[in-house]
Amino acid sequence: VAHLRAGMPALLRQVYWASFSNPCSNVFKPFYLNGPKIPANYGAGTSTYSGDSPWWLANRVKLLCDLNHNALAPAIRGVFDLTERSAMERQNRLEAEARKLIEAGREAEAVKRLQEFIDGNCARADKEYKMFNQTLPAMLETAGIEFLYTGYVRTWTSTHGVPLPLP
């Protein structure tokens, strides 16, 4: 989701709320496109599963959720809705502070604060991705698989090395 705001200082004008996957089973994180950098682990990736990649961990959450959306999505949304709401609330306070810093000629400090905000949001999302990667398989074992395209998922995940608890 791109948030473009002509009336804001250049540093705050473009905010991109990114999600790695289906919004129903993932979390949006804000990134400012002018000044702060994307965390290094968010810019690295491979075409096969890696347990230390935020993208692959997020994608595995989506794949696990797809296996029984009705059973798993409420737990996922319960966490990610709070995460997104918290980021939005903190964004308002942070941007007010950043505007004051920019107006005072302290743009470098504003960039630093925005970077801390981005890094903190990504770190929180990373912890949540890891938590769901650990807990969703057990929830799925209890709830069972209710998915029509198990064969497709089995082939795709096998090709990409994604560990899923498929029968």
N, C-alpha and C. Protein backbone atom coordinates (compact mmCIF):
# COMPACT_ATOMS: atom_id res chain seq x y z
N VAL A 1 0.86 -1.15 0.00
CA VAL A 1 0.00 0.00 0.00
C VAL A 1 0.91 1.22 0.00
N ALA A 2 0.78 2.06 -1.00
CA ALA A 2 1.59 3.27 -1.09
C ALA A 2 0.80 4.44 -0.50
N HIS A 3 1.45 5.17 0.37
CA HIS A 3 0.85 6.33 1.00
C HIS A 3 1.67 7.54 0.53
N LEU A 4 1.13 8.28 -0.45
CA LEU A 4 1.82 9.42 -1.04
C LEU A 4 1.17 10.70 -0.54
N ARG A 5 1.99 11.60 0.02
CA ARG A 5 1.44 12.79 0.66
C ARG A 5 2.22 14.02 0.20
N ALA A 6 1.63 14.77 -0.73
CA ALA A 6 2.30 15.93 -1.32
C ALA A 6 2.61 17.01 -0.29
N GLY A 7 1.80 17.17 0.73
CA GLY A 7 1.98 18.24 1.70
C GLY A 7 3.00 17.97 2.79
N MET A 8 3.68 16.86 2.72
CA MET A 8 4.65 16.48 3.76
C MET A 8 6.07 16.81 3.31
N PRO A 9 7.00 16.96 4.25
CA PRO A 9 8.41 17.10 3.87
C PRO A 9 8.85 15.87 3.07
N ALA A 10 9.84 16.03 2.20
CA ALA A 10 10.27 14.95 1.31
C ALA A 10 10.55 13.65 2.07
N LEU A 11 11.13 13.75 3.23
CA LEU A 11 11.48 12.57 4.03
C LEU A 11 10.24 11.74 4.41
N LEU A 12 9.11 12.40 4.58
CA LEU A 12 7.89 11.74 5.04
C LEU A 12 6.85 11.56 3.94
N ARG A 13 7.15 12.00 2.75
CA ARG A 13 6.16 12.07 1.69
C ARG A 13 5.70 10.70 1.19
N GLN A 14 6.60 9.74 1.15
CA GLN A 14 6.28 8.43 0.59
C GLN A 14 6.47 7.34 1.63
N VAL A 15 5.39 6.69 2.00
CA VAL A 15 5.44 5.57 2.93
C VAL A 15 4.85 4.37 2.21
N TYR A 16 5.56 3.28 2.23
CA TYR A 16 5.10 2.06 1.58
C TYR A 16 4.85 1.02 2.67
N TRP A 17 3.59 0.63 2.81
CA TRP A 17 3.23 -0.41 3.78
C TRP A 17 3.28 -1.74 3.03
N ALA A 18 4.29 -2.54 3.32
CA ALA A 18 4.54 -3.77 2.58
C ALA A 18 4.14 -5.00 3.38
N SER A 19 3.60 -5.95 2.65
CA SER A 19 3.29 -7.28 3.19
C SER A 19 3.92 -8.29 2.25
N PHE A 20 4.51 -9.32 2.79
CA PHE A 20 5.17 -10.32 1.97
C PHE A 20 4.22 -11.28 1.28
N SER A 21 2.98 -11.26 1.67
CA SER A 21 2.08 -12.31 1.20
C SER A 21 0.65 -11.82 1.29
N ASN A 22 -0.25 -12.76 1.18
CA ASN A 22 -1.68 -12.50 1.28
C ASN A 22 -1.99 -11.70 2.54
N PRO A 23 -2.66 -10.55 2.42
CA PRO A 23 -2.92 -9.71 3.60
C PRO A 23 -3.76 -10.40 4.68
N CYS A 24 -4.51 -11.41 4.32
CA CYS A 24 -5.33 -12.11 5.32
C CYS A 24 -4.48 -12.89 6.31
N SER A 25 -3.27 -13.25 5.90
CA SER A 25 -2.42 -14.06 6.78
C SER A 25 -1.02 -13.47 6.90
N ASN A 26 -0.94 -12.15 6.82
CA ASN A 26 0.35 -11.50 6.93
C ASN A 26 0.19 -10.13 7.56
N VAL A 27 1.30 -9.45 7.72
CA VAL A 27 1.30 -8.16 8.40
C VAL A 27 1.92 -7.11 7.48
N PHE A 28 1.35 -5.92 7.50
CA PHE A 28 1.91 -4.80 6.75
C PHE A 28 2.88 -4.05 7.65
N LYS A 29 4.03 -3.71 7.07
CA LYS A 29 5.07 -2.97 7.78
C LYS A 29 5.37 -1.70 6.99
N PRO A 30 5.52 -0.55 7.67
CA PRO A 30 5.79 0.70 6.95
C PRO A 30 7.28 0.89 6.64
N PHE A 31 7.54 1.37 5.43
CA PHE A 31 8.89 1.72 4.99
C PHE A 31 8.84 3.11 4.37
N TYR A 32 9.74 3.97 4.79
CA TYR A 32 9.85 5.31 4.19
C TYR A 32 10.83 5.21 3.04
N LEU A 33 10.45 5.76 1.89
CA LEU A 33 11.22 5.55 0.67
C LEU A 33 12.26 6.63 0.40
N ASN A 34 12.37 7.60 1.28
CA ASN A 34 13.33 8.68 1.08
C ASN A 34 14.11 8.88 2.37
N GLY A 35 15.28 8.29 2.46
CA GLY A 35 16.11 8.46 3.66
C GLY A 35 16.48 7.15 4.31
N PRO A 36 15.58 6.57 5.12
CA PRO A 36 15.91 5.30 5.79
C PRO A 36 16.10 4.15 4.80
N LYS A 37 16.77 3.12 5.24
CA LYS A 37 17.05 1.95 4.42
C LYS A 37 16.20 0.76 4.86
N ILE A 38 15.98 -0.14 3.94
CA ILE A 38 15.30 -1.40 4.26
C ILE A 38 16.31 -2.27 5.01
N PRO A 39 15.91 -2.93 6.10
CA PRO A 39 16.84 -3.80 6.82
C PRO A 39 17.47 -4.83 5.87
N ALA A 40 18.74 -5.12 6.07
CA ALA A 40 19.50 -5.99 5.16
C ALA A 40 18.83 -7.34 4.94
N ASN A 41 18.30 -7.95 6.01
CA ASN A 41 17.70 -9.28 5.83
C ASN A 41 16.40 -9.21 5.02
N TYR A 42 15.84 -8.03 4.83
CA TYR A 42 14.64 -7.88 4.01
C TYR A 42 15.00 -7.70 2.54
N GLY A 43 16.25 -7.40 2.26
CA GLY A 43 16.68 -7.22 0.88
C GLY A 43 17.37 -8.44 0.31
N ALA A 44 17.61 -9.44 1.13
CA ALA A 44 18.28 -10.66 0.68
C ALA A 44 17.26 -11.77 0.50
N GLY A 45 17.47 -12.60 -0.47
CA GLY A 45 16.54 -13.70 -0.66
C GLY A 45 17.07 -14.72 -1.64
N THR A 46 16.45 -15.88 -1.58
CA THR A 46 16.82 -16.96 -2.49
C THR A 46 15.53 -17.58 -3.03
N SER A 47 15.68 -18.42 -4.02
CA SER A 47 14.50 -19.05 -4.61
C SER A 47 14.10 -20.32 -3.87
N THR A 48 14.84 -20.69 -2.84
CA THR A 48 14.47 -21.84 -2.02
C THR A 48 14.35 -21.41 -0.56
N TYR A 49 13.59 -22.18 0.17
CA TYR A 49 13.28 -21.88 1.57
C TYR A 49 14.54 -21.67 2.40
N SER A 50 14.48 -20.65 3.24
CA SER A 50 15.54 -20.38 4.20
C SER A 50 14.86 -19.97 5.51
N GLY A 51 15.14 -20.70 6.57
CA GLY A 51 14.51 -20.45 7.86
C GLY A 51 14.92 -19.15 8.52
N ASP A 52 15.91 -18.45 7.97
CA ASP A 52 16.29 -17.15 8.53
C ASP A 52 15.86 -15.99 7.64
N SER A 53 15.07 -16.26 6.63
CA SER A 53 14.58 -15.23 5.72
C SER A 53 13.18 -14.78 6.14
N PRO A 54 12.99 -13.49 6.43
CA PRO A 54 11.65 -13.02 6.78
C PRO A 54 10.62 -13.33 5.68
N TRP A 55 11.04 -13.22 4.42
CA TRP A 55 10.09 -13.49 3.33
C TRP A 55 9.64 -14.94 3.36
N TRP A 56 10.58 -15.88 3.51
CA TRP A 56 10.20 -17.29 3.54
C TRP A 56 9.39 -17.63 4.79
N LEU A 57 9.74 -17.05 5.93
CA LEU A 57 8.97 -17.32 7.14
C LEU A 57 7.55 -16.79 6.99
N ALA A 58 7.39 -15.60 6.41
CA ALA A 58 6.06 -15.03 6.17
C ALA A 58 5.29 -15.87 5.16
N ASN A 59 5.98 -16.32 4.13
CA ASN A 59 5.32 -17.14 3.12
C ASN A 59 4.88 -18.47 3.69
N ARG A 60 5.68 -19.03 4.59
CA ARG A 60 5.29 -20.30 5.22
C ARG A 60 4.07 -20.10 6.12
N VAL A 61 3.98 -18.96 6.80
CA VAL A 61 2.78 -18.66 7.60
C VAL A 61 1.56 -18.67 6.68
N LYS A 62 1.66 -18.04 5.54
CA LYS A 62 0.55 -18.01 4.57
C LYS A 62 0.20 -19.42 4.10
N LEU A 63 1.22 -20.21 3.77
CA LEU A 63 0.98 -21.57 3.29
C LEU A 63 0.32 -22.42 4.37
N LEU A 64 0.80 -22.30 5.61
CA LEU A 64 0.18 -23.05 6.70
C LEU A 64 -1.26 -22.61 6.89
N CYS A 65 -1.50 -21.32 6.85
CA CYS A 65 -2.86 -20.80 7.01
C CYS A 65 -3.77 -21.30 5.89
N ASP A 66 -3.24 -21.36 4.68
CA ASP A 66 -4.03 -21.85 3.54
C ASP A 66 -4.54 -23.27 3.76
N LEU A 67 -3.81 -24.05 4.55
CA LEU A 67 -4.21 -25.45 4.75
C LEU A 67 -5.47 -25.58 5.60
N ASN A 68 -5.78 -24.58 6.41
CA ASN A 68 -7.05 -24.52 7.12
C ASN A 68 -7.28 -23.08 7.55
N HIS A 69 -7.69 -22.28 6.59
CA HIS A 69 -7.86 -20.84 6.81
C HIS A 69 -8.83 -20.55 7.96
N ASN A 70 -9.95 -21.23 7.99
CA ASN A 70 -10.96 -20.95 9.02
C ASN A 70 -10.43 -21.19 10.43
N ALA A 71 -9.57 -22.17 10.59
CA ALA A 71 -9.05 -22.48 11.92
C ALA A 71 -7.86 -21.61 12.32
N LEU A 72 -6.99 -21.26 11.35
CA LEU A 72 -5.75 -20.58 11.69
C LEU A 72 -5.78 -19.05 11.52
N ALA A 73 -6.55 -18.57 10.57
CA ALA A 73 -6.54 -17.13 10.29
C ALA A 73 -6.93 -16.26 11.50
N PRO A 74 -7.92 -16.65 12.30
CA PRO A 74 -8.25 -15.79 13.45
C PRO A 74 -7.07 -15.58 14.41
N ALA A 75 -6.28 -16.61 14.64
CA ALA A 75 -5.11 -16.46 15.53
C ALA A 75 -4.08 -15.53 14.89
N ILE A 76 -3.87 -15.70 13.60
CA ILE A 76 -2.90 -14.86 12.89
C ILE A 76 -3.35 -13.41 12.89
N ARG A 77 -4.59 -13.18 12.54
CA ARG A 77 -5.11 -11.81 12.48
C ARG A 77 -5.13 -11.19 13.87
N GLY A 78 -5.38 -11.98 14.90
CA GLY A 78 -5.39 -11.45 16.25
C GLY A 78 -4.06 -10.83 16.63
N VAL A 79 -2.97 -11.42 16.18
CA VAL A 79 -1.64 -10.88 16.45
C VAL A 79 -1.31 -9.75 15.48
N PHE A 80 -1.47 -10.01 14.19
CA PHE A 80 -1.04 -9.02 13.19
C PHE A 80 -1.90 -7.76 13.20
N ASP A 81 -3.16 -7.85 13.56
CA ASP A 81 -3.98 -6.64 13.66
C ASP A 81 -3.44 -5.71 14.75
N LEU A 82 -3.03 -6.29 15.88
CA LEU A 82 -2.44 -5.49 16.96
C LEU A 82 -1.12 -4.87 16.51
N THR A 83 -0.32 -5.64 15.79
CA THR A 83 0.96 -5.15 15.30
C THR A 83 0.77 -3.97 14.36
N GLU A 84 -0.17 -4.11 13.41
CA GLU A 84 -0.42 -3.03 12.45
C GLU A 84 -0.98 -1.79 13.15
N ARG A 85 -1.92 -2.00 14.06
CA ARG A 85 -2.51 -0.87 14.79
C ARG A 85 -1.44 -0.14 15.61
N SER A 86 -0.56 -0.87 16.25
CA SER A 86 0.52 -0.27 17.02
C SER A 86 1.43 0.55 16.11
N ALA A 87 1.78 0.00 14.96
CA ALA A 87 2.65 0.73 14.03
C ALA A 87 1.98 2.01 13.55
N MET A 88 0.69 1.95 13.27
CA MET A 88 -0.02 3.15 12.80
C MET A 88 -0.06 4.23 13.89
N GLU A 89 -0.30 3.81 15.12
CA GLU A 89 -0.34 4.78 16.22
C GLU A 89 1.03 5.41 16.45
N ARG A 90 2.06 4.58 16.43
CA ARG A 90 3.42 5.10 16.62
C ARG A 90 3.85 5.96 15.43
N GLN A 91 3.37 5.62 14.24
CA GLN A 91 3.71 6.40 13.06
C GLN A 91 3.28 7.86 13.21
N ASN A 92 2.08 8.08 13.69
CA ASN A 92 1.58 9.44 13.87
C ASN A 92 2.47 10.24 14.81
N ARG A 93 2.83 9.65 15.94
CA ARG A 93 3.69 10.35 16.90
C ARG A 93 5.09 10.58 16.31
N LEU A 94 5.62 9.57 15.67
CA LEU A 94 6.95 9.66 15.09
C LEU A 94 7.02 10.74 14.01
N GLU A 95 6.02 10.78 13.15
CA GLU A 95 6.04 11.77 12.07
C GLU A 95 5.91 13.19 12.61
N ALA A 96 5.15 13.40 13.66
CA ALA A 96 5.07 14.73 14.27
C ALA A 96 6.45 15.13 14.81
N GLU A 97 7.11 14.18 15.45
CA GLU A 97 8.45 14.44 15.97
C GLU A 97 9.44 14.68 14.82
N ALA A 98 9.35 13.89 13.77
CA ALA A 98 10.25 14.04 12.62
C ALA A 98 10.06 15.39 11.94
N ARG A 99 8.82 15.83 11.84
CA ARG A 99 8.57 17.15 11.23
C ARG A 99 9.25 18.26 12.03
N LYS A 100 9.16 18.17 13.35
CA LYS A 100 9.81 19.18 14.20
C LYS A 100 11.33 19.15 14.00
N LEU A 101 11.88 17.95 13.92
CA LEU A 101 13.32 17.83 13.71
C LEU A 101 13.72 18.42 12.35
N ILE A 102 12.95 18.12 11.33
CA ILE A 102 13.24 18.64 9.99
C ILE A 102 13.16 20.16 9.99
N GLU A 103 12.12 20.71 10.61
CA GLU A 103 11.95 22.16 10.68
C GLU A 103 13.09 22.82 11.45
N ALA A 104 13.68 22.09 12.38
CA ALA A 104 14.79 22.62 13.17
C ALA A 104 16.14 22.39 12.48
N GLY A 105 16.10 21.85 11.23
CA GLY A 105 17.34 21.60 10.50
C GLY A 105 18.08 20.37 10.94
N ARG A 106 17.39 19.45 11.59
CA ARG A 106 18.01 18.23 12.12
C ARG A 106 17.49 17.00 11.37
N GLU A 107 17.56 17.05 10.05
CA GLU A 107 17.02 15.98 9.22
C GLU A 107 17.72 14.64 9.47
N ALA A 108 19.03 14.65 9.69
CA ALA A 108 19.75 13.40 9.94
C ALA A 108 19.18 12.69 11.17
N GLU A 109 18.81 13.46 12.19
CA GLU A 109 18.22 12.86 13.38
C GLU A 109 16.83 12.31 13.07
N ALA A 110 16.08 12.99 12.21
CA ALA A 110 14.77 12.50 11.79
C ALA A 110 14.92 11.19 11.03
N VAL A 111 15.90 11.10 10.15
CA VAL A 111 16.16 9.86 9.41
C VAL A 111 16.49 8.74 10.39
N LYS A 112 17.30 9.04 11.39
CA LYS A 112 17.68 8.03 12.39
C LYS A 112 16.45 7.52 13.13
N ARG A 113 15.56 8.40 13.51
CA ARG A 113 14.34 7.99 14.22
C ARG A 113 13.45 7.13 13.32
N LEU A 114 13.32 7.53 12.04
CA LEU A 114 12.53 6.73 11.10
C LEU A 114 13.16 5.35 10.91
N GLN A 115 14.49 5.31 10.84
CA GLN A 115 15.18 4.03 10.68
C GLN A 115 14.92 3.13 11.89
N GLU A 116 14.97 3.70 13.07
CA GLU A 116 14.69 2.92 14.29
C GLU A 116 13.26 2.38 14.26
N PHE A 117 12.34 3.19 13.77
CA PHE A 117 10.93 2.78 13.65
C PHE A 117 10.80 1.61 12.68
N ILE A 118 11.42 1.73 11.53
CA ILE A 118 11.38 0.65 10.53
C ILE A 118 12.01 -0.61 11.10
N ASP A 119 13.20 -0.47 11.66
CA ASP A 119 13.91 -1.64 12.21
C ASP A 119 13.10 -2.30 13.32
N GLY A 120 12.49 -1.50 14.18
CA GLY A 120 11.68 -2.06 15.27
C GLY A 120 10.45 -2.80 14.75
N ASN A 121 9.78 -2.23 13.75
CA ASN A 121 8.62 -2.91 13.17
C ASN A 121 9.02 -4.22 12.52
N CYS A 122 10.14 -4.22 11.81
CA CYS A 122 10.60 -5.44 11.16
C CYS A 122 11.02 -6.49 12.19
N ALA A 123 11.69 -6.07 13.24
CA ALA A 123 12.10 -7.01 14.29
C ALA A 123 10.88 -7.65 14.94
N ARG A 124 9.84 -6.84 15.21
CA ARG A 124 8.62 -7.38 15.81
C ARG A 124 7.96 -8.38 14.85
N ALA A 125 7.86 -8.02 13.58
CA ALA A 125 7.27 -8.93 12.60
C ALA A 125 8.08 -10.21 12.49
N ASP A 126 9.40 -10.09 12.50
CA ASP A 126 10.25 -11.28 12.43
C ASP A 126 9.96 -12.24 13.59
N LYS A 127 9.84 -11.70 14.79
CA LYS A 127 9.53 -12.53 15.97
C LYS A 127 8.17 -13.21 15.80
N GLU A 128 7.21 -12.46 15.27
CA GLU A 128 5.87 -13.02 15.08
C GLU A 128 5.88 -14.09 13.99
N TYR A 129 6.62 -13.87 12.90
CA TYR A 129 6.74 -14.90 11.86
C TYR A 129 7.32 -16.18 12.46
N LYS A 130 8.38 -16.04 13.26
CA LYS A 130 9.02 -17.22 13.86
C LYS A 130 8.06 -17.92 14.82
N MET A 131 7.34 -17.13 15.62
CA MET A 131 6.38 -17.71 16.57
C MET A 131 5.32 -18.52 15.81
N PHE A 132 4.76 -17.93 14.74
CA PHE A 132 3.74 -18.64 13.97
C PHE A 132 4.32 -19.87 13.27
N ASN A 133 5.54 -19.80 12.80
CA ASN A 133 6.15 -20.96 12.17
C ASN A 133 6.31 -22.11 13.16
N GLN A 134 6.43 -21.78 14.45
CA GLN A 134 6.53 -22.81 15.48
C GLN A 134 5.17 -23.31 15.94
N THR A 135 4.18 -22.42 16.05
CA THR A 135 2.89 -22.80 16.65
C THR A 135 1.83 -23.27 15.67
N LEU A 136 1.87 -22.76 14.44
CA LEU A 136 0.80 -23.13 13.49
C LEU A 136 0.79 -24.61 13.13
N PRO A 137 1.94 -25.29 12.97
CA PRO A 137 1.86 -26.72 12.66
C PRO A 137 1.09 -27.52 13.72
N ALA A 138 1.27 -27.20 14.99
CA ALA A 138 0.53 -27.90 16.05
C ALA A 138 -0.96 -27.57 15.98
N MET A 139 -1.28 -26.30 15.71
CA MET A 139 -2.69 -25.92 15.57
C MET A 139 -3.31 -26.65 14.38
N LEU A 140 -2.54 -26.77 13.32
CA LEU A 140 -3.03 -27.46 12.13
C LEU A 140 -3.22 -28.95 12.39
N GLU A 141 -2.34 -29.51 13.18
CA GLU A 141 -2.46 -30.93 13.53
C GLU A 141 -3.77 -31.17 14.29
N THR A 142 -4.12 -30.25 15.16
CA THR A 142 -5.37 -30.36 15.92
C THR A 142 -6.58 -30.09 15.05
N ALA A 143 -6.53 -29.04 14.24
CA ALA A 143 -7.68 -28.62 13.42
C ALA A 143 -7.86 -29.47 12.17
N GLY A 144 -6.77 -30.01 11.66
CA GLY A 144 -6.83 -30.78 10.42
C GLY A 144 -6.69 -29.88 9.20
N ILE A 145 -6.40 -30.53 8.08
CA ILE A 145 -6.24 -29.81 6.82
C ILE A 145 -7.57 -29.78 6.10
N GLU A 146 -7.96 -28.59 5.68
CA GLU A 146 -9.17 -28.39 4.89
C GLU A 146 -8.81 -27.50 3.72
N PHE A 147 -8.16 -28.11 2.71
CA PHE A 147 -7.65 -27.35 1.58
C PHE A 147 -7.82 -28.19 0.33
N LEU A 148 -8.32 -27.58 -0.74
CA LEU A 148 -8.62 -28.32 -1.97
C LEU A 148 -7.39 -28.61 -2.81
N TYR A 149 -6.36 -27.80 -2.68
CA TYR A 149 -5.22 -27.90 -3.60
C TYR A 149 -3.98 -28.47 -2.93
N THR A 150 -4.15 -29.49 -2.12
CA THR A 150 -3.04 -30.07 -1.38
C THR A 150 -1.95 -30.58 -2.32
N GLY A 151 -2.35 -31.18 -3.44
CA GLY A 151 -1.36 -31.68 -4.41
C GLY A 151 -0.48 -30.57 -4.95
N TYR A 152 -1.10 -29.45 -5.29
CA TYR A 152 -0.34 -28.31 -5.80
C TYR A 152 0.62 -27.78 -4.73
N VAL A 153 0.12 -27.62 -3.52
CA VAL A 153 0.97 -27.11 -2.44
C VAL A 153 2.11 -28.07 -2.16
N ARG A 154 1.84 -29.37 -2.18
CA ARG A 154 2.87 -30.37 -1.94
C ARG A 154 3.99 -30.22 -2.99
N THR A 155 3.61 -30.11 -4.26
CA THR A 155 4.60 -29.97 -5.34
C THR A 155 5.37 -28.66 -5.20
N TRP A 156 4.67 -27.54 -4.98
CA TRP A 156 5.33 -26.25 -4.91
C TRP A 156 6.28 -26.18 -3.72
N THR A 157 5.82 -26.61 -2.56
CA THR A 157 6.67 -26.53 -1.37
C THR A 157 7.86 -27.49 -1.47
N SER A 158 7.67 -28.63 -2.10
CA SER A 158 8.76 -29.57 -2.29
C SER A 158 9.82 -28.97 -3.21
N THR A 159 9.38 -28.32 -4.28
CA THR A 159 10.29 -27.68 -5.21
C THR A 159 11.11 -26.59 -4.57
N HIS A 160 10.50 -25.86 -3.64
CA HIS A 160 11.16 -24.73 -2.99
C HIS A 160 11.72 -25.06 -1.61
N GLY A 161 11.56 -26.29 -1.17
CA GLY A 161 12.14 -26.72 0.09
C GLY A 161 11.43 -26.20 1.32
N VAL A 162 10.14 -25.85 1.23
CA VAL A 162 9.40 -25.31 2.36
C VAL A 162 8.84 -26.46 3.19
N PRO A 163 9.22 -26.57 4.45
CA PRO A 163 8.70 -27.66 5.28
C PRO A 163 7.26 -27.40 5.71
N LEU A 164 6.35 -28.24 5.25
CA LEU A 164 4.94 -28.15 5.66
C LEU A 164 4.48 -29.51 6.14
N PRO A 165 3.60 -29.54 7.11
CA PRO A 165 3.09 -30.82 7.64
C PRO A 165 1.97 -31.38 6.77
N LEU A 166 2.31 -31.79 5.56
CA LEU A 166 1.29 -32.33 4.65
C LEU A 166 1.23 -33.85 4.76
N PRO A 167 0.00 -34.40 4.64
CA PRO A 167 -0.11 -35.87 4.72
C PRO A 167 0.49 -36.53 3.51
